[in-house]
Amino acid sequence: MRILIVEDEAKTAAYLSKGLTEHAYVVDVADNGIEGLHLATNGPYDLILLDVMLPGLDGWTVLEGIRRQRRTPVLFLTARDAIADRVKGLELGADDYLVKPFAFSELLARIRTLLRRGAAPAVPAEQRFRLADLEVDAVRRRVSRGGERIDLTAKEYALLDYFVHHAGEVVSRTLIAEHVWDMNFDSDTNVVDVAVRRLRAKLDEGYSQKLIHTIRGVGYVLDARDE
């Protein structure tokens, strides 16, 4: 999943970027409101972390600009803790509001909640995804099939997480590259196909029912459909 951080304080931005990257998110950073608004309204982001006090354009203005074009979840991260500021942020269309300083574990929990709200209906509130005999525990980052635990690399888990959030939807290689890798898709590279092949080997090999399906000329889908 791809997250945009709009934060002008370099240490805070670096801290957030490092922590989120370690949890398999793809992260971009903008250090001013003008760049933040441009990226937010033109980039393939699943969630935006937005400060209020920014150079160029303040966070309120950035949020208004985002909401005129997109419904991407926005979480305000700010030192402004007045009730009036929280109310203003929510009324302008923010999805959540977290006051600095905050615990990183709380931030992760709120991010997962916001991403889950926009996820496929198959992802229930307790953050456990089930499809046939596949189970993904988003809190513990554990994956199992038929009761047998499956060990995934960080990138394999990020790829599976993207499939989970779009279960039943056909997703293109371009979208996968944009949301799982910090890269623009190059049609000459097979990095996505190789990664899907490795994930499929771990999830589907040895099982009669396949869960990751190739849609020729389009992309892939995570589904319990028959081939």
C-alpha atoms as a PDB file:
ATOM      1  CA  MET A   1       0.000   0.000   0.000  1.00  0.00           C
ATOM      2  CA  ARG A   2       1.279   3.477  -0.894  1.00  0.00           C
ATOM      3  CA  ILE A   3       1.241   6.332   1.628  1.00  0.00           C
ATOM      4  CA  LEU A   4       1.990  10.034   1.121  1.00  0.00           C
ATOM      5  CA  ILE A   5       3.457  11.973   4.045  1.00  0.00           C
ATOM      6  CA  VAL A   6       3.036  15.757   3.854  1.00  0.00           C
ATOM      7  CA  GLU A   7       5.293  17.037   6.642  1.00  0.00           C
ATOM      8  CA  ASP A   8       7.788  19.920   6.650  1.00  0.00           C
ATOM      9  CA  GLU A   9       9.710  18.833   9.763  1.00  0.00           C
ATOM     10  CA  ALA A  10      12.515  16.712   8.321  1.00  0.00           C
ATOM     11  CA  LYS A  11      13.125  14.548  11.409  1.00  0.00           C
ATOM     12  CA  THR A  12       9.439  13.722  11.789  1.00  0.00           C
ATOM     13  CA  ALA A  13       9.115  12.897   8.093  1.00  0.00           C
ATOM     14  CA  ALA A  14      12.193  10.657   8.212  1.00  0.00           C
ATOM     15  CA  TYR A  15      10.915   8.885  11.347  1.00  0.00           C
ATOM     16  CA  LEU A  16       7.524   8.230   9.779  1.00  0.00           C
ATOM     17  CA  SER A  17       8.996   7.158   6.456  1.00  0.00           C
ATOM     18  CA  LYS A  18      11.435   4.717   8.062  1.00  0.00           C
ATOM     19  CA  GLY A  19       8.810   3.195  10.340  1.00  0.00           C
ATOM     20  CA  LEU A  20       6.207   2.756   7.636  1.00  0.00           C
ATOM     21  CA  THR A  21       8.734   1.346   5.163  1.00  0.00           C
ATOM     22  CA  GLU A  22       9.731  -1.245   7.767  1.00  0.00           C
ATOM     23  CA  HIS A  23       6.066  -2.293   7.844  1.00  0.00           C
ATOM     24  CA  ALA A  24       6.082  -2.866   4.071  1.00  0.00           C
ATOM     25  CA  TYR A  25       4.348   0.366   3.043  1.00  0.00           C
ATOM     26  CA  VAL A  26       5.600   2.309   0.042  1.00  0.00           C
ATOM     27  CA  VAL A  27       6.176   5.916   1.156  1.00  0.00           C
ATOM     28  CA  ASP A  28       6.552   9.265  -0.578  1.00  0.00           C
ATOM     29  CA  VAL A  29       7.249  12.532   1.258  1.00  0.00           C
ATOM     30  CA  ALA A  30       6.349  16.149   0.445  1.00  0.00           C
ATOM     31  CA  ASP A  31       7.789  18.924   2.641  1.00  0.00           C
ATOM     32  CA  ASN A  32       5.350  21.686   1.689  1.00  0.00           C
ATOM     33  CA  GLY A  33       1.662  22.107   0.987  1.00  0.00           C
ATOM     34  CA  ILE A  34       1.986  22.918  -2.701  1.00  0.00           C
ATOM     35  CA  GLU A  35       3.930  19.770  -3.516  1.00  0.00           C
ATOM     36  CA  GLY A  36       1.734  17.768  -1.162  1.00  0.00           C
ATOM     37  CA  LEU A  37      -1.450  18.829  -2.926  1.00  0.00           C
ATOM     38  CA  HIS A  38       0.054  18.087  -6.337  1.00  0.00           C
ATOM     39  CA  LEU A  39       1.154  14.586  -5.329  1.00  0.00           C
ATOM     40  CA  ALA A  40      -2.057  13.833  -3.447  1.00  0.00           C
ATOM     41  CA  THR A  41      -4.266  14.699  -6.417  1.00  0.00           C
ATOM     42  CA  ASN A  42      -2.102  13.064  -9.064  1.00  0.00           C
ATOM     43  CA  GLY A  43      -0.463  10.073  -7.365  1.00  0.00           C
ATOM     44  CA  PRO A  44      -1.725   6.542  -6.682  1.00  0.00           C
ATOM     45  CA  TYR A  45      -2.025   6.868  -2.895  1.00  0.00           C
ATOM     46  CA  ASP A  46      -4.029   4.639  -0.592  1.00  0.00           C
ATOM     47  CA  LEU A  47      -3.694   7.029   2.371  1.00  0.00           C
ATOM     48  CA  ILE A  48      -2.296  10.489   3.152  1.00  0.00           C
ATOM     49  CA  LEU A  49      -0.679  11.648   6.412  1.00  0.00           C
ATOM     50  CA  LEU A  50      -1.054  15.428   6.527  1.00  0.00           C
ATOM     51  CA  ASP A  51       0.368  18.089   8.837  1.00  0.00           C
ATOM     52  CA  VAL A  52      -1.597  21.305   9.395  1.00  0.00           C
ATOM     53  CA  MET A  53       1.186  23.876   9.650  1.00  0.00           C
ATOM     54  CA  LEU A  54       2.954  23.699   6.292  1.00  0.00           C
ATOM     55  CA  PRO A  55       4.812  26.176   4.092  1.00  0.00           C
ATOM     56  CA  GLY A  56       3.211  27.119   0.788  1.00  0.00           C
ATOM     57  CA  LEU A  57      -0.299  25.921   1.621  1.00  0.00           C
ATOM     58  CA  ASP A  58      -1.521  24.944   5.081  1.00  0.00           C
ATOM     59  CA  GLY A  59      -3.004  21.533   5.733  1.00  0.00           C
ATOM     60  CA  TRP A  60      -6.576  22.837   5.756  1.00  0.00           C
ATOM     61  CA  THR A  61      -6.160  24.188   2.221  1.00  0.00           C
ATOM     62  CA  VAL A  62      -4.423  21.027   1.041  1.00  0.00           C
ATOM     63  CA  LEU A  63      -7.277  18.902   2.383  1.00  0.00           C
ATOM     64  CA  GLU A  64      -9.885  21.083   0.675  1.00  0.00           C
ATOM     65  CA  GLY A  65      -7.987  20.689  -2.605  1.00  0.00           C
ATOM     66  CA  ILE A  66      -7.799  16.915  -2.177  1.00  0.00           C
ATOM     67  CA  ARG A  67     -11.489  16.604  -1.403  1.00  0.00           C
ATOM     68  CA  ARG A  68     -12.452  18.487  -4.551  1.00  0.00           C
ATOM     69  CA  GLN A  69     -10.892  15.671  -6.569  1.00  0.00           C
ATOM     70  CA  ARG A  70     -10.417  12.522  -4.474  1.00  0.00           C
ATOM     71  CA  ARG A  71     -11.739  10.529  -1.527  1.00  0.00           C
ATOM     72  CA  THR A  72      -8.334   9.162  -0.508  1.00  0.00           C
ATOM     73  CA  PRO A  73      -8.288   8.636   3.293  1.00  0.00           C
ATOM     74  CA  VAL A  74      -6.534  11.540   5.065  1.00  0.00           C
ATOM     75  CA  LEU A  75      -5.141  11.356   8.586  1.00  0.00           C
ATOM     76  CA  PHE A  76      -4.067  14.663  10.140  1.00  0.00           C
ATOM     77  CA  LEU A  77      -0.844  14.479  12.190  1.00  0.00           C
ATOM     78  CA  THR A  78      -0.388  17.771  13.997  1.00  0.00           C
ATOM     79  CA  ALA A  79       0.664  19.446  17.226  1.00  0.00           C
ATOM     80  CA  ARG A  80      -2.553  21.484  17.171  1.00  0.00           C
ATOM     81  CA  ASP A  81      -4.590  19.788  19.880  1.00  0.00           C
ATOM     82  CA  ALA A  82      -7.456  22.257  20.345  1.00  0.00           C
ATOM     83  CA  ILE A  83     -10.926  20.745  20.007  1.00  0.00           C
ATOM     84  CA  ALA A  84     -11.789  23.455  17.482  1.00  0.00           C
ATOM     85  CA  ASP A  85      -8.906  22.318  15.260  1.00  0.00           C
ATOM     86  CA  ARG A  86     -10.001  18.691  15.423  1.00  0.00           C
ATOM     87  CA  VAL A  87     -13.570  19.625  14.571  1.00  0.00           C
ATOM     88  CA  LYS A  88     -12.397  21.803  11.678  1.00  0.00           C
ATOM     89  CA  GLY A  89     -10.258  19.011  10.256  1.00  0.00           C
ATOM     90  CA  LEU A  90     -13.068  16.476  10.411  1.00  0.00           C
ATOM     91  CA  GLU A  91     -15.597  18.912   8.961  1.00  0.00           C
ATOM     92  CA  LEU A  92     -13.277  19.604   6.026  1.00  0.00           C
ATOM     93  CA  GLY A  93     -13.232  15.901   5.256  1.00  0.00           C
ATOM     94  CA  ALA A  94     -10.346  14.389   7.224  1.00  0.00           C
ATOM     95  CA  ASP A  95     -10.889  10.751   8.165  1.00  0.00           C
ATOM     96  CA  ASP A  96      -8.921  10.897  11.427  1.00  0.00           C
ATOM     97  CA  TYR A  97      -6.889  13.307  13.561  1.00  0.00           C
ATOM     98  CA  LEU A  98      -3.856  12.318  15.659  1.00  0.00           C
ATOM     99  CA  VAL A  99      -2.076  14.812  17.902  1.00  0.00           C
ATOM    100  CA  LYS A 100       1.726  14.909  18.195  1.00  0.00           C
ATOM    101  CA  PRO A 101       3.511  13.412  20.017  1.00  0.00           C
ATOM    102  CA  PHE A 102       1.963  10.010  19.392  1.00  0.00           C
ATOM    103  CA  ALA A 103       2.920   6.360  19.752  1.00  0.00           C
ATOM    104  CA  PHE A 104       3.906   4.789  16.441  1.00  0.00           C
ATOM    105  CA  SER A 105       1.879   1.696  17.324  1.00  0.00           C
ATOM    106  CA  GLU A 106      -1.246   3.867  17.588  1.00  0.00           C
ATOM    107  CA  LEU A 107      -0.497   5.451  14.223  1.00  0.00           C
ATOM    108  CA  LEU A 108      -0.178   1.996  12.639  1.00  0.00           C
ATOM    109  CA  ALA A 109      -3.482   0.924  14.159  1.00  0.00           C
ATOM    110  CA  ARG A 110      -5.235   3.998  12.805  1.00  0.00           C
ATOM    111  CA  ILE A 111      -3.703   3.532   9.369  1.00  0.00           C
ATOM    112  CA  ARG A 112      -4.894  -0.078   9.255  1.00  0.00           C
ATOM    113  CA  THR A 113      -8.376   1.013  10.310  1.00  0.00           C
ATOM    114  CA  LEU A 114      -8.594   3.653   7.583  1.00  0.00           C
ATOM    115  CA  LEU A 115      -7.276   1.296   4.922  1.00  0.00           C
ATOM    116  CA  ARG A 116      -9.709  -1.371   6.058  1.00  0.00           C
ATOM    117  CA  ARG A 117     -12.677   0.994   5.682  1.00  0.00           C
ATOM    118  CA  GLY A 118     -11.965   1.233   1.987  1.00  0.00           C
ATOM    119  CA  ALA A 119     -11.081  -2.419   1.584  1.00  0.00           C
ATOM    120  CA  ALA A 120     -13.122  -5.207   0.087  1.00  0.00           C
ATOM    121  CA  PRO A 121     -16.065  -6.392   2.217  1.00  0.00           C
ATOM    122  CA  ALA A 122     -14.196  -9.656   2.874  1.00  0.00           C
ATOM    123  CA  VAL A 123     -11.938  -7.865   5.400  1.00  0.00           C
ATOM    124  CA  PRO A 124     -13.852  -7.852   8.702  1.00  0.00           C
ATOM    125  CA  ALA A 125     -13.382  -5.559  11.678  1.00  0.00           C
ATOM    126  CA  GLU A 126     -11.125  -7.907  13.619  1.00  0.00           C
ATOM    127  CA  GLN A 127      -8.497  -7.581  10.855  1.00  0.00           C
ATOM    128  CA  ARG A 128      -8.629 -11.231   9.864  1.00  0.00           C
ATOM    129  CA  PHE A 129      -9.083 -12.013   6.207  1.00  0.00           C
ATOM    130  CA  ARG A 130     -10.349 -15.432   5.169  1.00  0.00           C
ATOM    131  CA  LEU A 131     -10.723 -16.839   1.693  1.00  0.00           C
ATOM    132  CA  ALA A 132     -11.384 -20.567   1.350  1.00  0.00           C
ATOM    133  CA  ASP A 133      -8.778 -22.051   3.734  1.00  0.00           C
ATOM    134  CA  LEU A 134      -6.431 -19.034   3.518  1.00  0.00           C
ATOM    135  CA  GLU A 135      -6.231 -16.827   6.594  1.00  0.00           C
ATOM    136  CA  VAL A 136      -4.343 -13.539   6.944  1.00  0.00           C
ATOM    137  CA  ASP A 137      -3.958 -11.981  10.390  1.00  0.00           C
ATOM    138  CA  ALA A 138      -3.153  -8.317   9.706  1.00  0.00           C
ATOM    139  CA  VAL A 139      -2.312  -7.554  13.336  1.00  0.00           C
ATOM    140  CA  ARG A 140       0.282 -10.320  13.758  1.00  0.00           C
ATOM    141  CA  ARG A 141       1.164 -10.346  10.045  1.00  0.00           C
ATOM    142  CA  ARG A 142       0.666 -14.094   9.978  1.00  0.00           C
ATOM    143  CA  VAL A 143      -0.499 -16.087   6.984  1.00  0.00           C
ATOM    144  CA  SER A 144      -1.731 -19.664   6.962  1.00  0.00           C
ATOM    145  CA  ARG A 145      -3.519 -22.028   4.639  1.00  0.00           C
ATOM    146  CA  GLY A 146      -5.292 -25.144   5.768  1.00  0.00           C
ATOM    147  CA  GLY A 147      -3.989 -24.400   9.246  1.00  0.00           C
ATOM    148  CA  GLU A 148      -0.371 -24.522   8.072  1.00  0.00           C
ATOM    149  CA  ARG A 149       1.646 -21.357   8.609  1.00  0.00           C
ATOM    150  CA  ILE A 150       3.205 -19.769   5.511  1.00  0.00           C
ATOM    151  CA  ASP A 151       6.365 -17.706   5.894  1.00  0.00           C
ATOM    152  CA  LEU A 152       6.520 -14.706   3.569  1.00  0.00           C
ATOM    153  CA  THR A 153       9.186 -12.111   2.959  1.00  0.00           C
ATOM    154  CA  ALA A 154       8.276  -8.469   3.653  1.00  0.00           C
ATOM    155  CA  LYS A 155       7.670  -7.811  -0.039  1.00  0.00           C
ATOM    156  CA  GLU A 156       5.628 -10.995  -0.484  1.00  0.00           C
ATOM    157  CA  TYR A 157       3.462  -9.968   2.461  1.00  0.00           C
ATOM    158  CA  ALA A 158       3.050  -6.458   1.026  1.00  0.00           C
ATOM    159  CA  LEU A 159       1.940  -7.991  -2.264  1.00  0.00           C
ATOM    160  CA  LEU A 160      -0.521 -10.304  -0.535  1.00  0.00           C
ATOM    161  CA  ASP A 161      -1.801  -7.383   1.554  1.00  0.00           C
ATOM    162  CA  TYR A 162      -2.539  -5.454  -1.636  1.00  0.00           C
ATOM    163  CA  PHE A 163      -4.400  -8.449  -3.068  1.00  0.00           C
ATOM    164  CA  VAL A 164      -6.353  -8.784   0.190  1.00  0.00           C
ATOM    165  CA  HIS A 165      -7.450  -5.149   0.077  1.00  0.00           C
ATOM    166  CA  HIS A 166      -8.656  -5.737  -3.479  1.00  0.00           C
ATOM    167  CA  ALA A 167      -9.954  -9.285  -3.098  1.00  0.00           C
ATOM    168  CA  GLY A 168     -12.188 -10.243  -5.996  1.00  0.00           C
ATOM    169  CA  GLU A 169     -10.957  -7.320  -8.102  1.00  0.00           C
ATOM    170  CA  VAL A 170      -8.705  -7.723 -11.108  1.00  0.00           C
ATOM    171  CA  VAL A 171      -5.631  -5.561 -10.496  1.00  0.00           C
ATOM    172  CA  SER A 172      -3.215  -4.640 -13.256  1.00  0.00           C
ATOM    173  CA  ARG A 173       0.545  -5.004 -13.137  1.00  0.00           C
ATOM    174  CA  THR A 174       0.815  -1.218 -13.258  1.00  0.00           C
ATOM    175  CA  LEU A 175      -1.298  -0.784 -10.133  1.00  0.00           C
ATOM    176  CA  ILE A 176       0.603  -3.507  -8.307  1.00  0.00           C
ATOM    177  CA  ALA A 177       3.946  -1.883  -9.165  1.00  0.00           C
ATOM    178  CA  GLU A 178       2.748   1.544  -8.033  1.00  0.00           C
ATOM    179  CA  HIS A 179       1.325   0.361  -4.719  1.00  0.00           C
ATOM    180  CA  VAL A 180       3.750  -2.393  -3.698  1.00  0.00           C
ATOM    181  CA  TRP A 181       7.036  -1.121  -5.143  1.00  0.00           C
ATOM    182  CA  ASP A 182       8.420   2.396  -5.010  1.00  0.00           C
ATOM    183  CA  MET A 183       8.632   2.536  -8.780  1.00  0.00           C
ATOM    184  CA  ASN A 184       6.858   3.531 -11.965  1.00  0.00           C
ATOM    185  CA  PHE A 185       5.892   0.523 -14.020  1.00  0.00           C
ATOM    186  CA  ASP A 186       8.229  -0.377 -16.843  1.00  0.00           C
ATOM    187  CA  SER A 187       6.544  -2.675 -19.333  1.00  0.00           C
ATOM    188  CA  ASP A 188       9.917  -4.263 -20.086  1.00  0.00           C
ATOM    189  CA  THR A 189      10.431  -5.510 -16.527  1.00  0.00           C
ATOM    190  CA  ASN A 190       8.940  -8.710 -15.155  1.00  0.00           C
ATOM    191  CA  VAL A 191       9.430  -7.870 -11.468  1.00  0.00           C
ATOM    192  CA  VAL A 192       5.694  -8.049 -10.762  1.00  0.00           C
ATOM    193  CA  ASP A 193       5.226 -11.359 -12.555  1.00  0.00           C
ATOM    194  CA  VAL A 194       8.210 -12.879 -10.739  1.00  0.00           C
ATOM    195  CA  ALA A 195       6.925 -11.715  -7.353  1.00  0.00           C
ATOM    196  CA  VAL A 196       3.412 -13.012  -8.031  1.00  0.00           C
ATOM    197  CA  ARG A 197       4.872 -16.332  -9.181  1.00  0.00           C
ATOM    198  CA  ARG A 198       6.804 -16.685  -5.904  1.00  0.00           C
ATOM    199  CA  LEU A 199       3.786 -15.746  -3.804  1.00  0.00           C
ATOM    200  CA  ARG A 200       1.586 -18.137  -5.750  1.00  0.00           C
ATOM    201  CA  ALA A 201       4.095 -20.944  -5.175  1.00  0.00           C
ATOM    202  CA  LYS A 202       3.780 -20.446  -1.417  1.00  0.00           C
ATOM    203  CA  LEU A 203       0.002 -19.981  -1.320  1.00  0.00           C
ATOM    204  CA  ASP A 204      -1.274 -22.322  -4.025  1.00  0.00           C
ATOM    205  CA  GLU A 205       1.296 -25.049  -4.600  1.00  0.00           C
ATOM    206  CA  GLY A 206      -0.031 -28.371  -3.366  1.00  0.00           C
ATOM    207  CA  TYR A 207      -3.641 -27.182  -3.119  1.00  0.00           C
ATOM    208  CA  SER A 208      -6.333 -28.197  -5.599  1.00  0.00           C
ATOM    209  CA  GLN A 209      -8.114 -24.861  -5.211  1.00  0.00           C
ATOM    210  CA  LYS A 210      -6.014 -21.998  -6.539  1.00  0.00           C
ATOM    211  CA  LEU A 211      -6.492 -18.513  -5.112  1.00  0.00           C
ATOM    212  CA  ILE A 212      -4.262 -16.277  -7.244  1.00  0.00           C
ATOM    213  CA  HIS A 213      -5.409 -16.201 -10.846  1.00  0.00           C
ATOM    214  CA  THR A 214      -3.873 -14.664 -13.943  1.00  0.00           C
ATOM    215  CA  ILE A 215      -6.223 -12.635 -16.137  1.00  0.00           C
ATOM    216  CA  ARG A 216      -4.488 -12.660 -19.494  1.00  0.00           C
ATOM    217  CA  GLY A 217      -3.632  -9.236 -20.824  1.00  0.00           C
ATOM    218  CA  VAL A 218      -4.954  -7.522 -17.685  1.00  0.00           C
ATOM    219  CA  GLY A 219      -3.350  -8.629 -14.420  1.00  0.00           C
ATOM    220  CA  TYR A 220      -4.197 -10.794 -11.429  1.00  0.00           C
ATOM    221  CA  VAL A 221      -7.013 -11.460  -9.001  1.00  0.00           C
ATOM    222  CA  LEU A 222      -7.200 -13.039  -5.536  1.00  0.00           C
ATOM    223  CA  ASP A 223     -10.359 -15.098  -5.577  1.00  0.00           C
ATOM    224  CA  ALA A 224     -11.720 -18.561  -4.767  1.00  0.00           C
ATOM    225  CA  ARG A 225     -13.098 -18.887  -8.295  1.00  0.00           C
ATOM    226  CA  ASP A 226     -12.434 -21.948 -10.412  1.00  0.00           C
ATOM    227  CA  GLU A 227      -9.799 -21.619 -13.124  1.00  0.00           C
END
